[in-house]
Amino acid sequence: MVTQSHLTVASGDEDSAKRHQIMDGARRVFMDLGFDGASMNEIARAAGVSKGTLYVYFTDKNRLFEAIVEQESLEHGKKAFNFDPAQDAETSLRAFGRAYLEIVCRPDGGSAVRTVMAIAER
């Protein structure tokens, strides 16, 4: 006999929003405590989700950290390498320089770089 499941599956938007919520909480914890000081319990608390929900989206702390680094790299890349083909080289280089400085000089930029560098060898 086949029974109908009563489980509700989250829509893509809800799934994306929850993933974003988790990554935002994890980003704060990693910036405050560093990678080694961060725990999945602390990340779940900061993200406002249960630890079980956290593991539905990310198998471990390494995968979560990698997802954050990948997301930030993509966002920074889009910002820094957003060239207008109609602009001359000098204007494009100035725009790139400004975008790069905005990324590096943002308030949490230094701690983000230190955190990534600290675990880069792993």
PDB file of N, CA and C in Angstrom:
ATOM      1  N   MET A   1       0.842  -1.175   0.000  1.00  0.00           N
ATOM      2  CA  MET A   1       0.000   0.000   0.000  1.00  0.00           C
ATOM      3  C   MET A   1       0.891   1.244   0.000  1.00  0.00           C
ATOM      4  N   VAL A   2       0.567   2.196  -0.844  1.00  0.00           N
ATOM      5  CA  VAL A   2       1.332   3.428  -0.952  1.00  0.00           C
ATOM      6  C   VAL A   2       0.594   4.532  -0.209  1.00  0.00           C
ATOM      7  N   THR A   3       1.304   5.230   0.660  1.00  0.00           N
ATOM      8  CA  THR A   3       0.684   6.342   1.382  1.00  0.00           C
ATOM      9  C   THR A   3       1.297   7.642   0.924  1.00  0.00           C
ATOM     10  N   GLN A   4       0.513   8.679   1.021  1.00  0.00           N
ATOM     11  CA  GLN A   4       0.984  10.003   0.615  1.00  0.00           C
ATOM     12  C   GLN A   4       1.774  10.630   1.754  1.00  0.00           C
ATOM     13  N   SER A   5       2.902  11.193   1.416  1.00  0.00           N
ATOM     14  CA  SER A   5       3.736  11.841   2.417  1.00  0.00           C
ATOM     15  C   SER A   5       3.126  13.180   2.804  1.00  0.00           C
ATOM     16  N   HIS A   6       3.261  13.523   4.056  1.00  0.00           N
ATOM     17  CA  HIS A   6       2.751  14.809   4.540  1.00  0.00           C
ATOM     18  C   HIS A   6       3.881  15.806   4.773  1.00  0.00           C
ATOM     19  N   LEU A   7       5.060  15.478   4.259  1.00  0.00           N
ATOM     20  CA  LEU A   7       6.183  16.394   4.399  1.00  0.00           C
ATOM     21  C   LEU A   7       6.016  17.564   3.456  1.00  0.00           C
ATOM     22  N   THR A   8       6.376  18.722   3.925  1.00  0.00           N
ATOM     23  CA  THR A   8       6.329  19.920   3.098  1.00  0.00           C
ATOM     24  C   THR A   8       7.736  20.216   2.612  1.00  0.00           C
ATOM     25  N   VAL A   9       7.871  20.384   1.336  1.00  0.00           N
ATOM     26  CA  VAL A   9       9.166  20.706   0.757  1.00  0.00           C
ATOM     27  C   VAL A   9       9.228  22.209   0.535  1.00  0.00           C
ATOM     28  N   ALA A  10      10.305  22.825   0.974  1.00  0.00           N
ATOM     29  CA  ALA A  10      10.463  24.275   0.826  1.00  0.00           C
ATOM     30  C   ALA A  10      10.606  24.633  -0.643  1.00  0.00           C
ATOM     31  N   SER A  11      10.017  25.744  -1.009  1.00  0.00           N
ATOM     32  CA  SER A  11      10.177  26.222  -2.383  1.00  0.00           C
ATOM     33  C   SER A  11      11.604  26.717  -2.564  1.00  0.00           C
ATOM     34  N   GLY A  12      12.002  26.925  -3.800  1.00  0.00           N
ATOM     35  CA  GLY A  12      13.349  27.406  -4.088  1.00  0.00           C
ATOM     36  C   GLY A  12      13.650  28.716  -3.396  1.00  0.00           C
ATOM     37  N   ASP A  13      12.672  29.626  -3.348  1.00  0.00           N
ATOM     38  CA  ASP A  13      12.886  30.921  -2.698  1.00  0.00           C
ATOM     39  C   ASP A  13      13.097  30.763  -1.196  1.00  0.00           C
ATOM     40  N   GLU A  14      12.287  29.904  -0.572  1.00  0.00           N
ATOM     41  CA  GLU A  14      12.432  29.676   0.863  1.00  0.00           C
ATOM     42  C   GLU A  14      13.775  29.016   1.158  1.00  0.00           C
ATOM     43  N   ASP A  15      14.162  28.065   0.310  1.00  0.00           N
ATOM     44  CA  ASP A  15      15.431  27.371   0.461  1.00  0.00           C
ATOM     45  C   ASP A  15      16.591  28.353   0.343  1.00  0.00           C
ATOM     46  N   SER A  16      16.527  29.220  -0.647  1.00  0.00           N
ATOM     47  CA  SER A  16      17.572  30.212  -0.866  1.00  0.00           C
ATOM     48  C   SER A  16      17.637  31.201   0.300  1.00  0.00           C
ATOM     49  N   ALA A  17      16.492  31.611   0.789  1.00  0.00           N
ATOM     50  CA  ALA A  17      16.451  32.558   1.908  1.00  0.00           C
ATOM     51  C   ALA A  17      17.045  31.926   3.167  1.00  0.00           C
ATOM     52  N   LYS A  18      16.729  30.672   3.421  1.00  0.00           N
ATOM     53  CA  LYS A  18      17.256  29.982   4.607  1.00  0.00           C
ATOM     54  C   LYS A  18      18.768  29.800   4.478  1.00  0.00           C
ATOM     55  N   ARG A  19      19.230  29.437   3.298  1.00  0.00           N
ATOM     56  CA  ARG A  19      20.669  29.277   3.056  1.00  0.00           C
ATOM     57  C   ARG A  19      21.382  30.615   3.284  1.00  0.00           C
ATOM     58  N   HIS A  20      20.792  31.691   2.778  1.00  0.00           N
ATOM     59  CA  HIS A  20      21.358  33.032   2.952  1.00  0.00           C
ATOM     60  C   HIS A  20      21.398  33.405   4.441  1.00  0.00           C
ATOM     61  N   GLN A  21      20.332  33.090   5.160  1.00  0.00           N
ATOM     62  CA  GLN A  21      20.249  33.367   6.597  1.00  0.00           C
ATOM     63  C   GLN A  21      21.366  32.629   7.348  1.00  0.00           C
ATOM     64  N   ILE A  22      21.579  31.372   7.001  1.00  0.00           N
ATOM     65  CA  ILE A  22      22.628  30.577   7.642  1.00  0.00           C
ATOM     66  C   ILE A  22      23.999  31.159   7.327  1.00  0.00           C
ATOM     67  N   MET A  23      24.223  31.496   6.068  1.00  0.00           N
ATOM     68  CA  MET A  23      25.524  32.030   5.673  1.00  0.00           C
ATOM     69  C   MET A  23      25.798  33.379   6.322  1.00  0.00           C
ATOM     70  N   ASP A  24      24.778  34.205   6.485  1.00  0.00           N
ATOM     71  CA  ASP A  24      24.959  35.492   7.173  1.00  0.00           C
ATOM     72  C   ASP A  24      25.363  35.280   8.631  1.00  0.00           C
ATOM     73  N   GLY A  25      24.668  34.368   9.305  1.00  0.00           N
ATOM     74  CA  GLY A  25      25.013  34.071  10.694  1.00  0.00           C
ATOM     75  C   GLY A  25      26.414  33.495  10.813  1.00  0.00           C
ATOM     76  N   ALA A  26      26.751  32.585   9.921  1.00  0.00           N
ATOM     77  CA  ALA A  26      28.079  31.965   9.938  1.00  0.00           C
ATOM     78  C   ALA A  26      29.165  32.994   9.658  1.00  0.00           C
ATOM     79  N   ARG A  27      28.907  33.893   8.735  1.00  0.00           N
ATOM     80  CA  ARG A  27      29.888  34.938   8.407  1.00  0.00           C
ATOM     81  C   ARG A  27      30.210  35.757   9.657  1.00  0.00           C
ATOM     82  N   ARG A  28      29.179  36.129  10.412  1.00  0.00           N
ATOM     83  CA  ARG A  28      29.397  36.906  11.641  1.00  0.00           C
ATOM     84  C   ARG A  28      30.227  36.116  12.650  1.00  0.00           C
ATOM     85  N   VAL A  29      29.900  34.845  12.815  1.00  0.00           N
ATOM     86  CA  VAL A  29      30.626  34.013  13.779  1.00  0.00           C
ATOM     87  C   VAL A  29      32.080  33.835  13.347  1.00  0.00           C
ATOM     88  N   PHE A  30      32.305  33.556  12.075  1.00  0.00           N
ATOM     89  CA  PHE A  30      33.677  33.398  11.590  1.00  0.00           C
ATOM     90  C   PHE A  30      34.476  34.689  11.765  1.00  0.00           C
ATOM     91  N   MET A  31      33.854  35.824  11.530  1.00  0.00           N
ATOM     92  CA  MET A  31      34.560  37.099  11.679  1.00  0.00           C
ATOM     93  C   MET A  31      34.856  37.401  13.144  1.00  0.00           C
ATOM     94  N   ASP A  32      33.938  37.036  14.032  1.00  0.00           N
ATOM     95  CA  ASP A  32      34.131  37.307  15.462  1.00  0.00           C
ATOM     96  C   ASP A  32      35.091  36.323  16.132  1.00  0.00           C
ATOM     97  N   LEU A  33      34.957  35.042  15.796  1.00  0.00           N
ATOM     98  CA  LEU A  33      35.685  34.000  16.522  1.00  0.00           C
ATOM     99  C   LEU A  33      36.783  33.323  15.715  1.00  0.00           C
ATOM    100  N   GLY A  34      36.840  33.596  14.422  1.00  0.00           N
ATOM    101  CA  GLY A  34      37.778  32.887  13.562  1.00  0.00           C
ATOM    102  C   GLY A  34      37.240  31.506  13.232  1.00  0.00           C
ATOM    103  N   PHE A  35      37.893  30.851  12.291  1.00  0.00           N
ATOM    104  CA  PHE A  35      37.417  29.535  11.861  1.00  0.00           C
ATOM    105  C   PHE A  35      37.502  28.519  12.994  1.00  0.00           C
ATOM    106  N   ASP A  36      38.640  28.451  13.654  1.00  0.00           N
ATOM    107  CA  ASP A  36      38.826  27.454  14.712  1.00  0.00           C
ATOM    108  C   ASP A  36      37.927  27.707  15.915  1.00  0.00           C
ATOM    109  N   GLY A  37      37.640  28.958  16.212  1.00  0.00           N
ATOM    110  CA  GLY A  37      36.797  29.284  17.353  1.00  0.00           C
ATOM    111  C   GLY A  37      35.312  29.107  17.089  1.00  0.00           C
ATOM    112  N   ALA A  38      34.941  29.043  15.833  1.00  0.00           N
ATOM    113  CA  ALA A  38      33.529  28.906  15.464  1.00  0.00           C
ATOM    114  C   ALA A  38      33.080  27.457  15.617  1.00  0.00           C
ATOM    115  N   SER A  39      31.882  27.282  16.143  1.00  0.00           N
ATOM    116  CA  SER A  39      31.297  25.940  16.240  1.00  0.00           C
ATOM    117  C   SER A  39      29.966  25.943  15.500  1.00  0.00           C
ATOM    118  N   MET A  40      29.532  24.772  15.102  1.00  0.00           N
ATOM    119  CA  MET A  40      28.242  24.672  14.421  1.00  0.00           C
ATOM    120  C   MET A  40      27.118  25.097  15.365  1.00  0.00           C
ATOM    121  N   ASN A  41      27.271  24.851  16.665  1.00  0.00           N
ATOM    122  CA  ASN A  41      26.268  25.310  17.633  1.00  0.00           C
ATOM    123  C   ASN A  41      26.171  26.832  17.627  1.00  0.00           C
ATOM    124  N   GLU A  42      27.319  27.489  17.674  1.00  0.00           N
ATOM    125  CA  GLU A  42      27.349  28.953  17.685  1.00  0.00           C
ATOM    126  C   GLU A  42      26.802  29.511  16.375  1.00  0.00           C
ATOM    127  N   ILE A  43      27.137  28.879  15.267  1.00  0.00           N
ATOM    128  CA  ILE A  43      26.650  29.325  13.958  1.00  0.00           C
ATOM    129  C   ILE A  43      25.137  29.180  13.882  1.00  0.00           C
ATOM    130  N   ALA A  44      24.613  28.045  14.338  1.00  0.00           N
ATOM    131  CA  ALA A  44      23.158  27.840  14.330  1.00  0.00           C
ATOM    132  C   ALA A  44      22.467  28.904  15.172  1.00  0.00           C
ATOM    133  N   ARG A  45      23.021  29.191  16.338  1.00  0.00           N
ATOM    134  CA  ARG A  45      22.443  30.212  17.220  1.00  0.00           C
ATOM    135  C   ARG A  45      22.460  31.582  16.541  1.00  0.00           C
ATOM    136  N   ALA A  46      23.597  31.951  15.944  1.00  0.00           N
ATOM    137  CA  ALA A  46      23.714  33.259  15.283  1.00  0.00           C
ATOM    138  C   ALA A  46      22.795  33.368  14.072  1.00  0.00           C
ATOM    139  N   ALA A  47      22.564  32.248  13.403  1.00  0.00           N
ATOM    140  CA  ALA A  47      21.708  32.248  12.212  1.00  0.00           C
ATOM    141  C   ALA A  47      20.230  32.136  12.563  1.00  0.00           C
ATOM    142  N   GLY A  48      19.931  31.809  13.808  1.00  0.00           N
ATOM    143  CA  GLY A  48      18.536  31.668  14.217  1.00  0.00           C
ATOM    144  C   GLY A  48      17.885  30.413  13.656  1.00  0.00           C
ATOM    145  N   VAL A  49      18.671  29.344  13.528  1.00  0.00           N
ATOM    146  CA  VAL A  49      18.146  28.070  13.033  1.00  0.00           C
ATOM    147  C   VAL A  49      18.582  26.965  13.986  1.00  0.00           C
ATOM    148  N   SER A  50      17.938  25.815  13.863  1.00  0.00           N
ATOM    149  CA  SER A  50      18.362  24.674  14.668  1.00  0.00           C
ATOM    150  C   SER A  50      19.629  24.075  14.064  1.00  0.00           C
ATOM    151  N   LYS A  51      20.337  23.334  14.885  1.00  0.00           N
ATOM    152  CA  LYS A  51      21.546  22.681  14.395  1.00  0.00           C
ATOM    153  C   LYS A  51      21.193  21.668  13.300  1.00  0.00           C
ATOM    154  N   GLY A  52      20.048  21.018  13.443  1.00  0.00           N
ATOM    155  CA  GLY A  52      19.590  20.075  12.419  1.00  0.00           C
ATOM    156  C   GLY A  52      19.370  20.755  11.080  1.00  0.00           C
ATOM    157  N   THR A  53      18.755  21.938  11.118  1.00  0.00           N
ATOM    158  CA  THR A  53      18.543  22.699   9.881  1.00  0.00           C
ATOM    159  C   THR A  53      19.874  23.088   9.264  1.00  0.00           C
ATOM    160  N   LEU A  54      20.807  23.473  10.088  1.00  0.00           N
ATOM    161  CA  LEU A  54      22.138  23.846   9.605  1.00  0.00           C
ATOM    162  C   LEU A  54      22.765  22.691   8.822  1.00  0.00           C
ATOM    163  N   TYR A  55      22.649  21.476   9.360  1.00  0.00           N
ATOM    164  CA  TYR A  55      23.244  20.312   8.699  1.00  0.00           C
ATOM    165  C   TYR A  55      22.475  19.879   7.450  1.00  0.00           C
ATOM    166  N   VAL A  56      21.237  20.289   7.316  1.00  0.00           N
ATOM    167  CA  VAL A  56      20.503  20.015   6.075  1.00  0.00           C
ATOM    168  C   VAL A  56      21.147  20.775   4.919  1.00  0.00           C
ATOM    169  N   TYR A  57      21.623  21.969   5.200  1.00  0.00           N
ATOM    170  CA  TYR A  57      22.189  22.832   4.161  1.00  0.00           C
ATOM    171  C   TYR A  57      23.696  22.653   3.987  1.00  0.00           C
ATOM    172  N   PHE A  58      24.405  22.351   5.065  1.00  0.00           N
ATOM    173  CA  PHE A  58      25.863  22.243   5.018  1.00  0.00           C
ATOM    174  C   PHE A  58      26.310  21.045   5.846  1.00  0.00           C
ATOM    175  N   THR A  59      27.082  20.150   5.235  1.00  0.00           N
ATOM    176  CA  THR A  59      27.478  18.915   5.912  1.00  0.00           C
ATOM    177  C   THR A  59      28.453  19.142   7.060  1.00  0.00           C
ATOM    178  N   ASP A  60      29.247  20.197   6.975  1.00  0.00           N
ATOM    179  CA  ASP A  60      30.189  20.490   8.051  1.00  0.00           C
ATOM    180  C   ASP A  60      30.658  21.941   7.959  1.00  0.00           C
ATOM    181  N   LYS A  61      31.432  22.336   8.933  1.00  0.00           N
ATOM    182  CA  LYS A  61      31.909  23.721   9.024  1.00  0.00           C
ATOM    183  C   LYS A  61      32.779  24.086   7.828  1.00  0.00           C
ATOM    184  N   ASN A  62      33.578  23.150   7.360  1.00  0.00           N
ATOM    185  CA  ASN A  62      34.427  23.419   6.195  1.00  0.00           C
ATOM    186  C   ASN A  62      33.598  23.771   4.966  1.00  0.00           C
ATOM    187  N   ARG A  63      32.550  22.995   4.711  1.00  0.00           N
ATOM    188  CA  ARG A  63      31.696  23.243   3.536  1.00  0.00           C
ATOM    189  C   ARG A  63      30.991  24.593   3.654  1.00  0.00           C
ATOM    190  N   LEU A  64      30.574  24.927   4.852  1.00  0.00           N
ATOM    191  CA  LEU A  64      29.913  26.207   5.081  1.00  0.00           C
ATOM    192  C   LEU A  64      30.884  27.357   4.831  1.00  0.00           C
ATOM    193  N   PHE A  65      32.093  27.234   5.348  1.00  0.00           N
ATOM    194  CA  PHE A  65      33.096  28.271   5.144  1.00  0.00           C
ATOM    195  C   PHE A  65      33.431  28.410   3.660  1.00  0.00           C
ATOM    196  N   GLU A  66      33.585  27.282   2.970  1.00  0.00           N
ATOM    197  CA  GLU A  66      33.870  27.305   1.532  1.00  0.00           C
ATOM    198  C   GLU A  66      32.754  28.009   0.763  1.00  0.00           C
ATOM    199  N   ALA A  67      31.506  27.753   1.147  1.00  0.00           N
ATOM    200  CA  ALA A  67      30.367  28.391   0.474  1.00  0.00           C
ATOM    201  C   ALA A  67      30.404  29.903   0.673  1.00  0.00           C
ATOM    202  N   ILE A  68      30.772  30.343   1.864  1.00  0.00           N
ATOM    203  CA  ILE A  68      30.861  31.779   2.138  1.00  0.00           C
ATOM    204  C   ILE A  68      31.981  32.411   1.314  1.00  0.00           C
ATOM    205  N   VAL A  69      33.138  31.771   1.294  1.00  0.00           N
ATOM    206  CA  VAL A  69      34.268  32.301   0.521  1.00  0.00           C
ATOM    207  C   VAL A  69      33.912  32.356  -0.964  1.00  0.00           C
ATOM    208  N   GLU A  70      33.267  31.310  -1.461  1.00  0.00           N
ATOM    209  CA  GLU A  70      32.865  31.286  -2.872  1.00  0.00           C
ATOM    210  C   GLU A  70      31.873  32.407  -3.181  1.00  0.00           C
ATOM    211  N   GLN A  71      30.871  32.578  -2.321  1.00  0.00           N
ATOM    212  CA  GLN A  71      29.876  33.626  -2.531  1.00  0.00           C
ATOM    213  C   GLN A  71      30.523  35.009  -2.514  1.00  0.00           C
ATOM    214  N   GLU A  72      31.378  35.247  -1.539  1.00  0.00           N
ATOM    215  CA  GLU A  72      32.034  36.556  -1.453  1.00  0.00           C
ATOM    216  C   GLU A  72      32.955  36.789  -2.640  1.00  0.00           C
ATOM    217  N   SER A  73      33.651  35.757  -3.084  1.00  0.00           N
ATOM    218  CA  SER A  73      34.533  35.888  -4.247  1.00  0.00           C
ATOM    219  C   SER A  73      33.738  36.260  -5.488  1.00  0.00           C
ATOM    220  N   LEU A  74      32.599  35.613  -5.669  1.00  0.00           N
ATOM    221  CA  LEU A  74      31.751  35.930  -6.825  1.00  0.00           C
ATOM    222  C   LEU A  74      31.234  37.362  -6.755  1.00  0.00           C
ATOM    223  N   GLU A  75      30.771  37.764  -5.573  1.00  0.00           N
ATOM    224  CA  GLU A  75      30.255  39.130  -5.413  1.00  0.00           C
ATOM    225  C   GLU A  75      31.348  40.164  -5.648  1.00  0.00           C
ATOM    226  N   HIS A  76      32.519  39.929  -5.083  1.00  0.00           N
ATOM    227  CA  HIS A  76      33.626  40.872  -5.258  1.00  0.00           C
ATOM    228  C   HIS A  76      34.095  40.893  -6.705  1.00  0.00           C
ATOM    229  N   GLY A  77      34.132  39.733  -7.319  1.00  0.00           N
ATOM    230  CA  GLY A  77      34.539  39.658  -8.719  1.00  0.00           C
ATOM    231  C   GLY A  77      33.601  40.426  -9.628  1.00  0.00           C
ATOM    232  N   LYS A  78      32.310  40.292  -9.375  1.00  0.00           N
ATOM    233  CA  LYS A  78      31.325  41.031 -10.179  1.00  0.00           C
ATOM    234  C   LYS A  78      31.520  42.533 -10.021  1.00  0.00           C
ATOM    235  N   LYS A  79      31.821  42.938  -8.804  1.00  0.00           N
ATOM    236  CA  LYS A  79      31.993  44.365  -8.539  1.00  0.00           C
ATOM    237  C   LYS A  79      33.298  44.891  -9.138  1.00  0.00           C
ATOM    238  N   ALA A  80      34.384  44.179  -8.916  1.00  0.00           N
ATOM    239  CA  ALA A  80      35.696  44.660  -9.357  1.00  0.00           C
ATOM    240  C   ALA A  80      35.909  44.518 -10.860  1.00  0.00           C
ATOM    241  N   PHE A  81      35.324  43.503 -11.451  1.00  0.00           N
ATOM    242  CA  PHE A  81      35.569  43.241 -12.874  1.00  0.00           C
ATOM    243  C   PHE A  81      34.372  43.585 -13.744  1.00  0.00           C
ATOM    244  N   ASN A  82      33.628  44.565 -13.341  1.00  0.00           N
ATOM    245  CA  ASN A  82      32.460  45.016 -14.088  1.00  0.00           C
ATOM    246  C   ASN A  82      32.895  46.102 -15.073  1.00  0.00           C
ATOM    247  N   PHE A  83      33.517  45.686 -16.156  1.00  0.00           N
ATOM    248  CA  PHE A  83      34.051  46.633 -17.130  1.00  0.00           C
ATOM    249  C   PHE A  83      33.011  47.007 -18.172  1.00  0.00           C
ATOM    250  N   ASP A  84      33.027  48.254 -18.549  1.00  0.00           N
ATOM    251  CA  ASP A  84      32.179  48.755 -19.629  1.00  0.00           C
ATOM    252  C   ASP A  84      33.041  48.787 -20.890  1.00  0.00           C
ATOM    253  N   PRO A  85      32.704  47.989 -21.896  1.00  0.00           N
ATOM    254  CA  PRO A  85      33.529  47.947 -23.103  1.00  0.00           C
ATOM    255  C   PRO A  85      33.621  49.291 -23.822  1.00  0.00           C
ATOM    256  N   ALA A  86      32.695  50.188 -23.543  1.00  0.00           N
ATOM    257  CA  ALA A  86      32.714  51.502 -24.197  1.00  0.00           C
ATOM    258  C   ALA A  86      33.737  52.441 -23.551  1.00  0.00           C
ATOM    259  N   GLN A  87      34.211  52.086 -22.350  1.00  0.00           N
ATOM    260  CA  GLN A  87      35.170  52.951 -21.658  1.00  0.00           C
ATOM    261  C   GLN A  87      36.591  52.686 -22.150  1.00  0.00           C
ATOM    262  N   ASP A  88      37.410  53.727 -22.060  1.00  0.00           N
ATOM    263  CA  ASP A  88      38.817  53.548 -22.426  1.00  0.00           C
ATOM    264  C   ASP A  88      39.543  52.819 -21.289  1.00  0.00           C
ATOM    265  N   ALA A  89      40.765  52.394 -21.560  1.00  0.00           N
ATOM    266  CA  ALA A  89      41.532  51.595 -20.601  1.00  0.00           C
ATOM    267  C   ALA A  89      41.772  52.341 -19.289  1.00  0.00           C
ATOM    268  N   GLU A  90      42.102  53.614 -19.367  1.00  0.00           N
ATOM    269  CA  GLU A  90      42.385  54.378 -18.150  1.00  0.00           C
ATOM    270  C   GLU A  90      41.157  54.446 -17.246  1.00  0.00           C
ATOM    271  N   THR A  91      40.003  54.739 -17.814  1.00  0.00           N
ATOM    272  CA  THR A  91      38.767  54.821 -17.035  1.00  0.00           C
ATOM    273  C   THR A  91      38.441  53.465 -16.416  1.00  0.00           C
ATOM    274  N   SER A  92      38.616  52.403 -17.189  1.00  0.00           N
ATOM    275  CA  SER A  92      38.347  51.051 -16.682  1.00  0.00           C
ATOM    276  C   SER A  92      39.285  50.690 -15.538  1.00  0.00           C
ATOM    277  N   LEU A  93      40.564  51.033 -15.677  1.00  0.00           N
ATOM    278  CA  LEU A  93      41.528  50.735 -14.615  1.00  0.00           C
ATOM    279  C   LEU A  93      41.242  51.530 -13.345  1.00  0.00           C
ATOM    280  N   ARG A  94      40.828  52.775 -13.509  1.00  0.00           N
ATOM    281  CA  ARG A  94      40.467  53.581 -12.333  1.00  0.00           C
ATOM    282  C   ARG A  94      39.245  52.982 -11.629  1.00  0.00           C
ATOM    283  N   ALA A  95      38.258  52.567 -12.407  1.00  0.00           N
ATOM    284  CA  ALA A  95      37.055  51.958 -11.835  1.00  0.00           C
ATOM    285  C   ALA A  95      37.413  50.663 -11.104  1.00  0.00           C
ATOM    286  N   PHE A  96      38.286  49.869 -11.709  1.00  0.00           N
ATOM    287  CA  PHE A  96      38.733  48.634 -11.070  1.00  0.00           C
ATOM    288  C   PHE A  96      39.451  48.945  -9.755  1.00  0.00           C
ATOM    289  N   GLY A  97      40.348  49.923  -9.777  1.00  0.00           N
ATOM    290  CA  GLY A  97      41.092  50.303  -8.577  1.00  0.00           C
ATOM    291  C   GLY A  97      40.178  50.751  -7.453  1.00  0.00           C
ATOM    292  N   ARG A  98      39.176  51.571  -7.788  1.00  0.00           N
ATOM    293  CA  ARG A  98      38.219  52.027  -6.770  1.00  0.00           C
ATOM    294  C   ARG A  98      37.436  50.850  -6.198  1.00  0.00           C
ATOM    295  N   ALA A  99      36.963  49.970  -7.074  1.00  0.00           N
ATOM    296  CA  ALA A  99      36.192  48.807  -6.617  1.00  0.00           C
ATOM    297  C   ALA A  99      37.048  47.908  -5.727  1.00  0.00           C
ATOM    298  N   TYR A 100      38.287  47.702  -6.129  1.00  0.00           N
ATOM    299  CA  TYR A 100      39.198  46.863  -5.348  1.00  0.00           C
ATOM    300  C   TYR A 100      39.441  47.471  -3.965  1.00  0.00           C
ATOM    301  N   LEU A 101      39.688  48.765  -3.913  1.00  0.00           N
ATOM    302  CA  LEU A 101      39.916  49.425  -2.629  1.00  0.00           C
ATOM    303  C   LEU A 101      38.677  49.374  -1.742  1.00  0.00           C
ATOM    304  N   GLU A 102      37.499  49.508  -2.329  1.00  0.00           N
ATOM    305  CA  GLU A 102      36.265  49.399  -1.545  1.00  0.00           C
ATOM    306  C   GLU A 102      36.144  48.015  -0.917  1.00  0.00           C
ATOM    307  N   ILE A 103      36.531  47.001  -1.661  1.00  0.00           N
ATOM    308  CA  ILE A 103      36.459  45.631  -1.152  1.00  0.00           C
ATOM    309  C   ILE A 103      37.468  45.432  -0.024  1.00  0.00           C
ATOM    310  N   VAL A 104      38.700  45.808  -0.252  1.00  0.00           N
ATOM    311  CA  VAL A 104      39.779  45.581   0.712  1.00  0.00           C
ATOM    312  C   VAL A 104      39.627  46.450   1.956  1.00  0.00           C
ATOM    313  N   CYS A 105      39.126  47.659   1.792  1.00  0.00           N
ATOM    314  CA  CYS A 105      39.053  48.609   2.905  1.00  0.00           C
ATOM    315  C   CYS A 105      37.718  48.609   3.634  1.00  0.00           C
ATOM    316  N   ARG A 106      36.835  47.687   3.299  1.00  0.00           N
ATOM    317  CA  ARG A 106      35.557  47.652   4.019  1.00  0.00           C
ATOM    318  C   ARG A 106      35.831  47.281   5.473  1.00  0.00           C
ATOM    319  N   PRO A 107      34.937  47.651   6.386  1.00  0.00           N
ATOM    320  CA  PRO A 107      35.214  47.470   7.816  1.00  0.00           C
ATOM    321  C   PRO A 107      35.645  46.060   8.215  1.00  0.00           C
ATOM    322  N   ASP A 108      35.039  45.023   7.640  1.00  0.00           N
ATOM    323  CA  ASP A 108      35.406  43.661   8.025  1.00  0.00           C
ATOM    324  C   ASP A 108      36.397  43.025   7.059  1.00  0.00           C
ATOM    325  N   GLY A 109      36.913  43.796   6.129  1.00  0.00           N
ATOM    326  CA  GLY A 109      37.817  43.259   5.113  1.00  0.00           C
ATOM    327  C   GLY A 109      39.070  42.635   5.681  1.00  0.00           C
ATOM    328  N   GLY A 110      39.673  43.288   6.635  1.00  0.00           N
ATOM    329  CA  GLY A 110      40.903  42.767   7.223  1.00  0.00           C
ATOM    330  C   GLY A 110      40.694  41.461   7.954  1.00  0.00           C
ATOM    331  N   SER A 111      39.632  41.371   8.744  1.00  0.00           N
ATOM    332  CA  SER A 111      39.399  40.132   9.485  1.00  0.00           C
ATOM    333  C   SER A 111      39.018  39.000   8.545  1.00  0.00           C
ATOM    334  N   ALA A 112      38.316  39.319   7.468  1.00  0.00           N
ATOM    335  CA  ALA A 112      37.949  38.285   6.494  1.00  0.00           C
ATOM    336  C   ALA A 112      39.194  37.701   5.844  1.00  0.00           C
ATOM    337  N   VAL A 113      40.106  38.559   5.450  1.00  0.00           N
ATOM    338  CA  VAL A 113      41.344  38.100   4.815  1.00  0.00           C
ATOM    339  C   VAL A 113      42.168  37.277   5.800  1.00  0.00           C
ATOM    340  N   ARG A 114      42.274  37.734   7.042  1.00  0.00           N
ATOM    341  CA  ARG A 114      43.040  36.990   8.048  1.00  0.00           C
ATOM    342  C   ARG A 114      42.442  35.608   8.291  1.00  0.00           C
ATOM    343  N   THR A 115      41.118  35.533   8.341  1.00  0.00           N
ATOM    344  CA  THR A 115      40.459  34.248   8.568  1.00  0.00           C
ATOM    345  C   THR A 115      40.741  33.285   7.425  1.00  0.00           C
ATOM    346  N   VAL A 116      40.626  33.763   6.203  1.00  0.00           N
ATOM    347  CA  VAL A 116      40.893  32.906   5.042  1.00  0.00           C
ATOM    348  C   VAL A 116      42.356  32.483   5.019  1.00  0.00           C
ATOM    349  N   MET A 117      43.252  33.409   5.264  1.00  0.00           N
ATOM    350  CA  MET A 117      44.682  33.094   5.240  1.00  0.00           C
ATOM    351  C   MET A 117      45.049  32.082   6.328  1.00  0.00           C
ATOM    352  N   ALA A 118      44.400  32.174   7.475  1.00  0.00           N
ATOM    353  CA  ALA A 118      44.721  31.281   8.586  1.00  0.00           C
ATOM    354  C   ALA A 118      44.415  29.825   8.268  1.00  0.00           C
ATOM    355  N   ILE A 119      43.415  29.577   7.440  1.00  0.00           N
ATOM    356  CA  ILE A 119      43.068  28.190   7.138  1.00  0.00           C
ATOM    357  C   ILE A 119      43.408  27.798   5.708  1.00  0.00           C
ATOM    358  N   ALA A 120      44.092  28.645   4.991  1.00  0.00           N
ATOM    359  CA  ALA A 120      44.398  28.386   3.579  1.00  0.00           C
ATOM    360  C   ALA A 120      45.231  27.128   3.379  1.00  0.00           C
ATOM    361  N   GLU A 121      46.061  26.787   4.316  1.00  0.00           N
ATOM    362  CA  GLU A 121      46.936  25.625   4.178  1.00  0.00           C
ATOM    363  C   GLU A 121      46.213  24.302   4.401  1.00  0.00           C
ATOM    364  N   ARG A 122      45.006  24.335   4.915  1.00  0.00           N
ATOM    365  CA  ARG A 122      44.291  23.089   5.259  1.00  0.00           C
ATOM    366  C   ARG A 122      43.717  22.408   4.074  1.00  0.00           C
TER     367      ARG A 122
END
